[in-house]
Amino acid sequence: MKWILTALMALILQIFLPWWSIAIAGFISGIIFTQKPGQAFLNGFSGIFALWAAVSLYIYFVNQGLLAERLADLFSLPHGLLVIILTALIGGICGGLSAVTGNYFSKLFLK
């Protein structure tokens, strides 16, 4: 449930701000939800991973995979779907690390 709220917050922020607003969404979710740091990372990671994977798959199917295949050729990857997986992984890592940072930031002031 917490990862869904992180993904929705990131989706709303990305309408108005650049791609790095996912870190703001992860940071805020890390502050709001009291949880262990490992759980904060997993919630931030899974929320942003799911969001970026869904958006990337949408773009992939809208343009019949043309952009993903060209990017795969550029990075010497065998298939365009690997670009989608790598995109989601990079976003997920950024979201997870920012959620852990927000978690530790909130614990700094709670004690």
C-alpha atoms as a PDB file:
ATOM      1  CA  MET A   1       0.000   0.000   0.000  1.00  0.00           C
ATOM      2  CA  LYS A   2       2.806   2.408   0.867  1.00  0.00           C
ATOM      3  CA  TRP A   3       4.543   1.809  -2.442  1.00  0.00           C
ATOM      4  CA  ILE A   4       1.357   2.731  -4.306  1.00  0.00           C
ATOM      5  CA  LEU A   5       1.224   6.078  -2.520  1.00  0.00           C
ATOM      6  CA  THR A   6       4.891   6.648  -3.353  1.00  0.00           C
ATOM      7  CA  ALA A   7       4.203   5.904  -7.011  1.00  0.00           C
ATOM      8  CA  LEU A   8       1.169   8.213  -7.104  1.00  0.00           C
ATOM      9  CA  MET A   9       3.108  11.010  -5.430  1.00  0.00           C
ATOM     10  CA  ALA A  10       5.951  10.573  -7.926  1.00  0.00           C
ATOM     11  CA  LEU A  11       3.520  10.522 -10.850  1.00  0.00           C
ATOM     12  CA  ILE A  12       1.946  13.794  -9.746  1.00  0.00           C
ATOM     13  CA  LEU A  13       5.319  15.426  -9.125  1.00  0.00           C
ATOM     14  CA  GLN A  14       6.653  14.315 -12.517  1.00  0.00           C
ATOM     15  CA  ILE A  15       3.843  16.154 -14.269  1.00  0.00           C
ATOM     16  CA  PHE A  16       5.262  19.460 -13.038  1.00  0.00           C
ATOM     17  CA  LEU A  17       8.926  18.727 -12.239  1.00  0.00           C
ATOM     18  CA  PRO A  18      11.824  16.902 -13.968  1.00  0.00           C
ATOM     19  CA  TRP A  19      12.633  13.213 -13.627  1.00  0.00           C
ATOM     20  CA  TRP A  20      14.533  13.658 -10.363  1.00  0.00           C
ATOM     21  CA  SER A  21      11.282  14.534  -8.569  1.00  0.00           C
ATOM     22  CA  ILE A  22      11.025  10.794  -7.865  1.00  0.00           C
ATOM     23  CA  ALA A  23      13.672  11.405  -5.202  1.00  0.00           C
ATOM     24  CA  ILE A  24      11.418  14.011  -3.599  1.00  0.00           C
ATOM     25  CA  ALA A  25       8.521  11.545  -3.589  1.00  0.00           C
ATOM     26  CA  GLY A  26      10.695   8.821  -2.055  1.00  0.00           C
ATOM     27  CA  PHE A  27      12.071  11.215   0.547  1.00  0.00           C
ATOM     28  CA  ILE A  28       8.593  12.389   1.566  1.00  0.00           C
ATOM     29  CA  SER A  29       7.291   8.824   1.778  1.00  0.00           C
ATOM     30  CA  GLY A  30      10.292   7.903   3.929  1.00  0.00           C
ATOM     31  CA  ILE A  31       9.421  10.745   6.298  1.00  0.00           C
ATOM     32  CA  ILE A  32       5.672  10.090   6.418  1.00  0.00           C
ATOM     33  CA  PHE A  33       5.674   6.330   6.957  1.00  0.00           C
ATOM     34  CA  THR A  34       7.376   5.053  10.098  1.00  0.00           C
ATOM     35  CA  GLN A  35       9.089   1.794   9.190  1.00  0.00           C
ATOM     36  CA  LYS A  36      12.422   0.059   9.263  1.00  0.00           C
ATOM     37  CA  PRO A  37      15.070   1.287   6.798  1.00  0.00           C
ATOM     38  CA  GLY A  38      14.917  -1.947   4.778  1.00  0.00           C
ATOM     39  CA  GLN A  39      11.151  -1.638   4.422  1.00  0.00           C
ATOM     40  CA  ALA A  40      11.533   2.023   3.451  1.00  0.00           C
ATOM     41  CA  PHE A  41      13.968   1.057   0.701  1.00  0.00           C
ATOM     42  CA  LEU A  42      11.681  -1.688  -0.600  1.00  0.00           C
ATOM     43  CA  ASN A  43       8.635   0.586  -0.613  1.00  0.00           C
ATOM     44  CA  GLY A  44      10.482   3.385  -2.394  1.00  0.00           C
ATOM     45  CA  PHE A  45      12.113   0.975  -4.827  1.00  0.00           C
ATOM     46  CA  SER A  46       8.943  -0.922  -5.698  1.00  0.00           C
ATOM     47  CA  GLY A  47       6.836   2.221  -6.077  1.00  0.00           C
ATOM     48  CA  ILE A  48       9.178   3.974  -8.486  1.00  0.00           C
ATOM     49  CA  PHE A  49      10.106   0.714 -10.247  1.00  0.00           C
ATOM     50  CA  ALA A  50       6.439  -0.016 -10.938  1.00  0.00           C
ATOM     51  CA  LEU A  51       5.750   3.545 -12.061  1.00  0.00           C
ATOM     52  CA  TRP A  52       8.674   3.799 -14.454  1.00  0.00           C
ATOM     53  CA  ALA A  53       8.110   0.273 -15.788  1.00  0.00           C
ATOM     54  CA  ALA A  54       4.460   1.085 -16.495  1.00  0.00           C
ATOM     55  CA  VAL A  55       5.274   4.376 -18.211  1.00  0.00           C
ATOM     56  CA  SER A  56       8.087   2.774 -20.218  1.00  0.00           C
ATOM     57  CA  LEU A  57       5.838  -0.089 -21.312  1.00  0.00           C
ATOM     58  CA  TYR A  58       3.170   2.402 -22.329  1.00  0.00           C
ATOM     59  CA  ILE A  59       5.671   4.296 -24.482  1.00  0.00           C
ATOM     60  CA  TYR A  60       6.974   0.988 -25.845  1.00  0.00           C
ATOM     61  CA  PHE A  61       3.554  -0.136 -27.034  1.00  0.00           C
ATOM     62  CA  VAL A  62       2.462   3.269 -28.322  1.00  0.00           C
ATOM     63  CA  ASN A  63       5.390   3.538 -30.752  1.00  0.00           C
ATOM     64  CA  GLN A  64       5.655  -0.235 -31.432  1.00  0.00           C
ATOM     65  CA  GLY A  65       9.011  -0.485 -29.645  1.00  0.00           C
ATOM     66  CA  LEU A  66      10.842   1.775 -32.073  1.00  0.00           C
ATOM     67  CA  LEU A  67      12.446   4.022 -29.460  1.00  0.00           C
ATOM     68  CA  ALA A  68      13.392   1.139 -27.175  1.00  0.00           C
ATOM     69  CA  GLU A  69      14.974  -0.795 -30.044  1.00  0.00           C
ATOM     70  CA  ARG A  70      17.023   2.210 -31.105  1.00  0.00           C
ATOM     71  CA  LEU A  71      18.209   2.750 -27.550  1.00  0.00           C
ATOM     72  CA  ALA A  72      19.042  -0.938 -27.292  1.00  0.00           C
ATOM     73  CA  ASP A  73      21.154  -0.644 -30.438  1.00  0.00           C
ATOM     74  CA  LEU A  74      22.852   2.439 -29.019  1.00  0.00           C
ATOM     75  CA  PHE A  75      23.802   0.625 -25.801  1.00  0.00           C
ATOM     76  CA  SER A  76      24.523  -2.707 -27.538  1.00  0.00           C
ATOM     77  CA  LEU A  77      21.668  -4.514 -25.821  1.00  0.00           C
ATOM     78  CA  PRO A  78      20.048  -7.513 -27.518  1.00  0.00           C
ATOM     79  CA  HIS A  79      16.421  -6.402 -27.080  1.00  0.00           C
ATOM     80  CA  GLY A  80      14.460  -3.220 -26.443  1.00  0.00           C
ATOM     81  CA  LEU A  81      12.686  -4.647 -23.406  1.00  0.00           C
ATOM     82  CA  LEU A  82      16.020  -4.625 -21.558  1.00  0.00           C
ATOM     83  CA  VAL A  83      15.971  -0.850 -21.877  1.00  0.00           C
ATOM     84  CA  ILE A  84      12.649  -0.826 -20.040  1.00  0.00           C
ATOM     85  CA  ILE A  85      14.009  -3.070 -17.282  1.00  0.00           C
ATOM     86  CA  LEU A  86      17.142  -0.946 -16.887  1.00  0.00           C
ATOM     87  CA  THR A  87      15.075   2.234 -16.817  1.00  0.00           C
ATOM     88  CA  ALA A  88      12.832   0.839 -14.096  1.00  0.00           C
ATOM     89  CA  LEU A  89      15.844  -0.417 -12.098  1.00  0.00           C
ATOM     90  CA  ILE A  90      17.574   2.963 -12.182  1.00  0.00           C
ATOM     91  CA  GLY A  91      14.386   4.712 -11.093  1.00  0.00           C
ATOM     92  CA  GLY A  92      13.754   2.111  -8.398  1.00  0.00           C
ATOM     93  CA  ILE A  93      17.230   2.478  -6.925  1.00  0.00           C
ATOM     94  CA  CYS A  94      16.846   6.249  -6.847  1.00  0.00           C
ATOM     95  CA  GLY A  95      13.434   5.954  -5.177  1.00  0.00           C
ATOM     96  CA  GLY A  96      14.648   3.389  -2.659  1.00  0.00           C
ATOM     97  CA  LEU A  97      17.703   5.362  -1.618  1.00  0.00           C
ATOM     98  CA  SER A  98      15.706   8.562  -1.253  1.00  0.00           C
ATOM     99  CA  ALA A  99      13.096   6.736   0.870  1.00  0.00           C
ATOM    100  CA  VAL A 100      15.844   5.436   3.188  1.00  0.00           C
ATOM    101  CA  THR A 101      17.261   8.945   3.407  1.00  0.00           C
ATOM    102  CA  GLY A 102      13.830  10.301   4.358  1.00  0.00           C
ATOM    103  CA  ASN A 103      13.442   7.509   6.898  1.00  0.00           C
ATOM    104  CA  TYR A 104      16.746   8.328   8.582  1.00  0.00           C
ATOM    105  CA  PHE A 105      15.947  12.054   8.411  1.00  0.00           C
ATOM    106  CA  SER A 106      12.680  11.529  10.276  1.00  0.00           C
ATOM    107  CA  LYS A 107      14.413   9.370  12.903  1.00  0.00           C
ATOM    108  CA  LEU A 108      16.946  12.136  13.419  1.00  0.00           C
ATOM    109  CA  PHE A 109      14.225  14.450  14.708  1.00  0.00           C
ATOM    110  CA  LEU A 110      12.040  11.869  16.464  1.00  0.00           C
ATOM    111  CA  LYS A 111      14.732  11.022  19.010  1.00  0.00           C
END
